Amino acid sequence: MAADKLNRLRDVLRGYESCLVAYSGGVDSVLLAHVAHEVLAGRMLAVLADSPSLPRRELAEAREIAEAHGFPLRIVHTREFANPDYTENPVNRCYYCKHELFTRLEPIALEGGFAVLAYGENASDIGDHRPGAEAAKQFEVRAPLKEAGLAKGDIRTLSAALGLPTADKPQMPCLSSRIPYGQAVTPEKLAMVEQAEGVLRDAGFREVRVRHHDQPGGALARLELGQAEIKRFVAEGMMETVSLQIREAGFSDVILDTKGYRRGSLNEGVALANG
């Protein structure tokens, strides 16, 4: 029962006594911050890390949600782009990002008297390749959603029951995830990706990824959309207009991935087709 799982989460958070939540504005961290504030009130703080890997649209939405639901929010600027271990984009890139995040959050928690650092890992993440979880382990960061046994489906169900706007929000990993491992991550590339994804979102698409591929003669944008959205994209003959707008972001070539959006596509051979 959803109510039982929500009560388990409340019990977990109550046991912390005070908590600093690593907040991103995504479905997991919004539920975590909302319930932590409900249970702990002034003994919780949400902290959002801002860097070139966070889309401006996501930053604005995260702030709006915090304001609308009344939980305290602090924004800090992280410096993972100053670390070549991160920008060289190895397969464990997320470790260096989370390490920088928790390095910034730990002193804030100490200064504010927060007993626990928490983040939004959930029970569905068990078994995934998640280098960031190793950094969380090193900093003794807790995962209350996981501790309460909440899987992604539970989180969406509870979010809807609590009236949170993220209940049906598509997953939105950081912009650096759009760059294939081994190709350098730079603020300039991520700005291109952000602008290109903005073109698609402004056209009404929700499940969107623009993958940035280095190639001779200029960057390639590989568009991934949800399966239903691919049908609309093709039926409405949008490739020509969208390609022109995405090229304005700095891409030389634009292609539609006919397999559509799926996690981890940068690590597989994909079928590509010009629109």
Protein backbone atom coordinates (compact mmCIF):
# COMPACT_ATOMS: atom_id res chain seq x y z
CA MET A 1 0.00 0.00 0.00
CA ALA A 2 1.25 3.46 -0.90
CA ALA A 3 0.22 4.85 2.50
CA ASP A 4 2.31 2.21 4.30
CA LYS A 5 5.36 3.04 2.21
CA LEU A 6 4.90 6.75 2.82
CA ASN A 7 4.74 6.09 6.55
CA ARG A 8 7.92 4.03 6.32
CA LEU A 9 9.66 6.97 4.66
CA ARG A 10 8.38 9.31 7.35
CA ASP A 11 9.69 6.95 10.04
CA VAL A 12 13.11 6.78 8.37
CA LEU A 13 13.36 10.58 8.17
CA ARG A 14 12.05 11.04 11.70
CA GLY A 15 14.85 8.79 12.88
CA TYR A 16 17.41 11.15 11.34
CA GLU A 17 16.24 14.02 13.60
CA SER A 18 17.66 16.53 11.10
CA CYS A 19 18.61 16.27 7.46
CA LEU A 20 20.27 18.08 4.56
CA VAL A 21 18.82 16.87 1.24
CA ALA A 22 20.81 16.90 -2.01
CA TYR A 23 18.08 18.33 -4.23
CA SER A 24 17.84 18.44 -8.02
CA GLY A 25 14.18 19.10 -8.79
CA GLY A 26 13.73 15.58 -10.17
CA VAL A 27 11.00 13.16 -9.14
CA ASP A 28 13.07 11.46 -6.43
CA SER A 29 14.56 14.47 -4.70
CA VAL A 30 11.32 16.47 -4.81
CA LEU A 31 9.45 13.72 -2.95
CA LEU A 32 12.34 13.36 -0.51
CA ALA A 33 12.56 17.10 0.19
CA HIS A 34 8.78 17.45 0.51
CA VAL A 35 8.39 14.61 3.02
CA ALA A 36 11.54 15.60 4.92
CA HIS A 37 10.12 19.10 5.36
CA GLU A 38 6.76 17.68 6.43
CA VAL A 39 8.42 15.51 9.08
CA LEU A 40 11.38 17.64 10.19
CA ALA A 41 10.16 21.19 9.45
CA GLY A 42 12.97 23.62 10.28
CA ARG A 43 15.40 20.76 10.85
CA MET A 44 15.80 20.13 7.12
CA LEU A 45 17.41 22.01 4.25
CA ALA A 46 17.39 21.24 0.53
CA VAL A 47 20.57 22.18 -1.33
CA LEU A 48 20.76 22.32 -5.11
CA ALA A 49 24.10 22.17 -6.94
CA ASP A 50 24.35 24.52 -9.91
CA SER A 51 26.90 23.99 -12.69
CA PRO A 52 27.00 23.96 -16.51
CA SER A 53 25.52 20.44 -16.44
CA LEU A 54 22.20 21.72 -15.05
CA PRO A 55 19.79 23.16 -17.65
CA ARG A 56 18.51 26.64 -16.80
CA ARG A 57 14.96 25.39 -17.29
CA GLU A 58 15.53 22.68 -14.68
CA LEU A 59 17.04 25.18 -12.25
CA ALA A 60 14.03 27.47 -12.57
CA GLU A 61 11.56 24.60 -12.11
CA ALA A 62 13.43 23.28 -9.07
CA ARG A 63 13.28 26.70 -7.42
CA GLU A 64 9.59 27.10 -8.24
CA ILE A 65 8.75 23.72 -6.70
CA ALA A 66 10.63 24.52 -3.50
CA GLU A 67 8.86 27.85 -3.20
CA ALA A 68 5.43 26.39 -3.96
CA HIS A 69 5.81 23.62 -1.39
CA GLY A 70 7.48 25.71 1.25
CA PHE A 71 10.70 23.85 1.91
CA PRO A 72 13.92 25.82 2.39
CA LEU A 73 16.34 25.79 -0.53
CA ARG A 74 19.94 26.86 -0.85
CA ILE A 75 21.85 26.90 -4.14
CA VAL A 76 25.59 26.23 -4.29
CA HIS A 77 27.95 26.28 -7.26
CA THR A 78 30.01 23.16 -7.76
CA ARG A 79 33.33 22.98 -9.61
CA GLU A 80 33.46 19.55 -11.20
CA PHE A 81 34.48 21.18 -14.49
CA ALA A 82 37.77 22.20 -12.88
CA ASN A 83 38.59 18.51 -12.39
CA PRO A 84 40.12 16.77 -15.45
CA ASP A 85 39.04 13.42 -14.02
CA TYR A 86 35.48 14.63 -14.66
CA THR A 87 35.93 16.50 -17.95
CA GLU A 88 37.81 13.61 -19.59
CA ASN A 89 34.48 11.77 -19.25
CA PRO A 90 35.46 8.30 -18.06
CA VAL A 91 32.80 5.65 -17.44
CA ASN A 92 32.81 6.61 -13.75
CA ARG A 93 32.32 10.33 -14.45
CA CYS A 94 29.35 10.40 -12.07
CA TYR A 95 31.65 9.47 -9.21
CA TYR A 96 33.61 12.70 -9.60
CA CYS A 97 30.42 14.75 -9.88
CA LYS A 98 28.92 13.27 -6.71
CA HIS A 99 32.27 13.53 -4.91
CA GLU A 100 32.36 17.26 -5.66
CA LEU A 101 28.71 17.60 -4.62
CA PHE A 102 29.19 15.91 -1.26
CA THR A 103 32.45 17.78 -0.70
CA ARG A 104 30.41 20.98 -0.93
CA LEU A 105 27.45 19.73 1.11
CA GLU A 106 29.34 18.20 4.03
CA PRO A 107 30.54 21.51 5.55
CA ILE A 108 27.09 23.05 5.04
CA ALA A 109 25.58 20.17 7.00
CA LEU A 110 28.17 20.55 9.76
CA GLU A 111 27.72 24.31 10.01
CA GLY A 112 23.93 23.99 10.05
CA GLY A 113 23.88 21.19 12.59
CA PHE A 114 22.22 18.71 10.24
CA ALA A 115 22.85 15.18 11.47
CA VAL A 116 22.39 13.43 8.13
CA LEU A 117 23.23 14.05 4.50
CA ALA A 118 20.65 12.41 2.22
CA TYR A 119 20.15 11.96 -1.52
CA GLY A 120 17.55 10.49 -3.83
CA GLU A 121 18.79 6.99 -4.60
CA ASN A 122 15.85 4.58 -4.53
CA ALA A 123 15.21 0.84 -4.41
CA SER A 124 14.99 0.61 -8.22
CA ASP A 125 18.63 1.68 -8.44
CA ILE A 126 19.89 -1.56 -6.88
CA GLY A 127 22.08 -3.38 -9.39
CA ASP A 128 22.51 -0.41 -11.72
CA HIS A 129 25.99 0.82 -12.65
CA ARG A 130 26.00 3.85 -10.37
CA PRO A 131 29.47 5.26 -9.66
CA GLY A 132 27.85 8.12 -7.75
CA ALA A 133 26.72 5.63 -5.12
CA GLU A 134 30.38 4.92 -4.33
CA ALA A 135 30.94 8.59 -3.54
CA ALA A 136 27.81 8.58 -1.37
CA LYS A 137 29.20 5.60 0.53
CA GLN A 138 32.51 7.37 1.13
CA PHE A 139 30.74 10.41 2.58
CA GLU A 140 28.23 8.26 4.52
CA VAL A 141 25.32 9.86 2.68
CA ARG A 142 22.00 8.18 3.40
CA ALA A 143 19.38 7.12 0.86
CA PRO A 144 16.05 7.32 2.74
CA LEU A 145 13.92 6.39 -0.27
CA LYS A 146 15.93 3.21 -0.65
CA GLU A 147 15.91 2.57 3.10
CA ALA A 148 12.12 2.79 3.06
CA GLY A 149 11.96 0.33 0.15
CA LEU A 150 10.55 2.82 -2.34
CA ALA A 151 11.01 1.93 -6.00
CA LYS A 152 10.55 4.39 -8.85
CA GLY A 153 6.91 3.40 -9.37
CA ASP A 154 6.17 3.93 -5.67
CA ILE A 155 7.79 7.36 -5.81
CA ARG A 156 5.64 8.43 -8.73
CA THR A 157 2.48 7.09 -7.06
CA LEU A 158 3.22 8.90 -3.80
CA SER A 159 4.19 12.08 -5.64
CA ALA A 160 0.81 12.08 -7.38
CA ALA A 161 -1.02 11.44 -4.10
CA LEU A 162 0.81 14.36 -2.49
CA GLY A 163 0.10 16.68 -5.41
CA LEU A 164 3.72 17.07 -6.46
CA PRO A 165 4.19 18.32 -10.04
CA THR A 166 7.00 15.85 -10.70
CA ALA A 167 4.80 12.73 -10.44
CA ASP A 168 4.92 12.15 -14.20
CA LYS A 169 8.07 14.09 -14.97
CA PRO A 170 10.44 12.24 -17.32
CA GLN A 171 13.83 11.34 -15.91
CA MET A 172 16.31 14.14 -16.47
CA PRO A 173 19.94 13.20 -15.82
CA CYS A 174 22.54 15.93 -16.10
CA LEU A 175 23.54 17.33 -19.48
CA SER A 176 26.94 15.63 -19.29
CA SER A 177 25.16 12.31 -19.82
CA ARG A 178 24.56 13.39 -23.43
CA ILE A 179 28.29 13.10 -24.25
CA PRO A 180 29.71 9.64 -25.10
CA TYR A 181 32.24 8.32 -22.61
CA GLY A 182 35.77 9.21 -23.67
CA GLN A 183 34.75 12.41 -25.46
CA ALA A 184 35.55 15.50 -23.40
CA VAL A 185 32.75 17.19 -21.49
CA THR A 186 32.88 20.99 -21.83
CA PRO A 187 30.49 23.81 -20.90
CA GLU A 188 30.35 24.75 -24.59
CA LYS A 189 29.11 21.31 -25.65
CA LEU A 190 26.53 21.27 -22.88
CA ALA A 191 25.26 24.71 -23.89
CA MET A 192 24.73 23.34 -27.41
CA VAL A 193 22.83 20.34 -26.05
CA GLU A 194 20.71 22.51 -23.78
CA GLN A 195 19.75 24.84 -26.61
CA ALA A 196 18.94 21.92 -28.92
CA GLU A 197 16.81 20.15 -26.32
CA GLY A 198 15.04 23.44 -25.70
CA VAL A 199 14.00 23.48 -29.36
CA LEU A 200 12.32 20.10 -28.94
CA ARG A 201 10.72 20.93 -25.60
CA ASP A 202 9.36 24.19 -26.99
CA ALA A 203 7.76 22.09 -29.73
CA GLY A 204 5.91 20.10 -27.07
CA PHE A 205 8.11 17.01 -26.76
CA ARG A 206 8.64 15.73 -23.21
CA GLU A 207 10.91 12.69 -23.41
CA VAL A 208 13.92 14.24 -25.10
CA ARG A 209 17.64 13.59 -25.40
CA VAL A 210 20.05 15.29 -27.80
CA ARG A 211 23.27 13.28 -27.87
CA HIS A 212 26.40 15.22 -28.82
CA HIS A 213 28.90 13.29 -30.94
CA ASP A 214 32.27 14.69 -31.99
CA GLN A 215 33.04 14.02 -35.65
CA PRO A 216 35.31 15.45 -38.34
CA GLY A 217 33.84 18.65 -39.71
CA GLY A 218 31.64 19.47 -36.74
CA ALA A 219 29.41 18.02 -34.06
CA LEU A 220 26.56 15.61 -34.74
CA ALA A 221 23.26 15.92 -32.84
CA ARG A 222 21.48 12.58 -32.44
CA LEU A 223 17.87 13.10 -31.44
CA GLU A 224 16.13 10.62 -29.17
CA LEU A 225 12.40 10.93 -28.48
CA GLY A 226 9.83 8.72 -26.78
CA GLN A 227 8.28 6.16 -29.14
CA ALA A 228 4.92 7.93 -29.35
CA GLU A 229 6.69 11.23 -29.89
CA ILE A 230 8.75 9.83 -32.77
CA LYS A 231 5.50 9.08 -34.59
CA ARG A 232 4.36 12.67 -34.16
CA PHE A 233 7.77 14.02 -35.19
CA VAL A 234 7.70 12.00 -38.42
CA ALA A 235 4.00 12.47 -39.16
CA GLU A 236 4.28 16.24 -38.86
CA GLY A 237 7.44 16.37 -41.00
CA MET A 238 9.35 18.28 -38.34
CA MET A 239 12.90 17.27 -39.23
CA GLU A 240 13.65 20.12 -41.61
CA THR A 241 12.49 22.88 -39.28
CA VAL A 242 14.00 21.30 -36.18
CA SER A 243 17.32 20.65 -37.95
CA LEU A 244 17.65 24.31 -38.90
CA GLN A 245 17.02 25.41 -35.32
CA ILE A 246 19.38 22.84 -33.84
CA ARG A 247 22.12 23.81 -36.28
CA GLU A 248 21.79 27.32 -34.87
CA ALA A 249 23.00 25.83 -31.58
CA GLY A 250 26.28 24.93 -33.30
CA PHE A 251 25.71 21.41 -34.62
CA SER A 252 26.81 20.55 -38.16
CA ASP A 253 24.59 17.51 -38.62
CA VAL A 254 21.28 16.39 -37.11
CA ILE A 255 19.85 12.87 -37.25
CA LEU A 256 16.89 11.10 -35.67
CA ASP A 257 17.57 7.87 -33.80
CA THR A 258 14.74 5.62 -34.93
CA LYS A 259 15.04 3.39 -31.86
CA GLY A 260 13.90 6.30 -29.74
CA TYR A 261 14.89 7.25 -26.23
CA ARG A 262 16.30 4.60 -23.91
CA ARG A 263 18.75 4.73 -21.05
CA GLY A 264 22.38 4.01 -21.85
CA SER A 265 22.07 4.42 -25.60
CA LEU A 266 25.54 5.95 -25.84
CA ASN A 267 26.96 2.55 -24.98
CA GLU A 268 25.32 0.56 -27.73
CA GLY A 269 25.31 0.38 -31.49
CA VAL A 270 22.31 2.36 -32.67
CA ALA A 271 20.30 2.56 -35.85
CA LEU A 272 20.37 6.09 -37.15
CA ALA A 273 18.25 7.63 -39.84
CA ASN A 274 18.08 11.03 -41.38
CA GLY A 275 14.67 12.58 -40.81
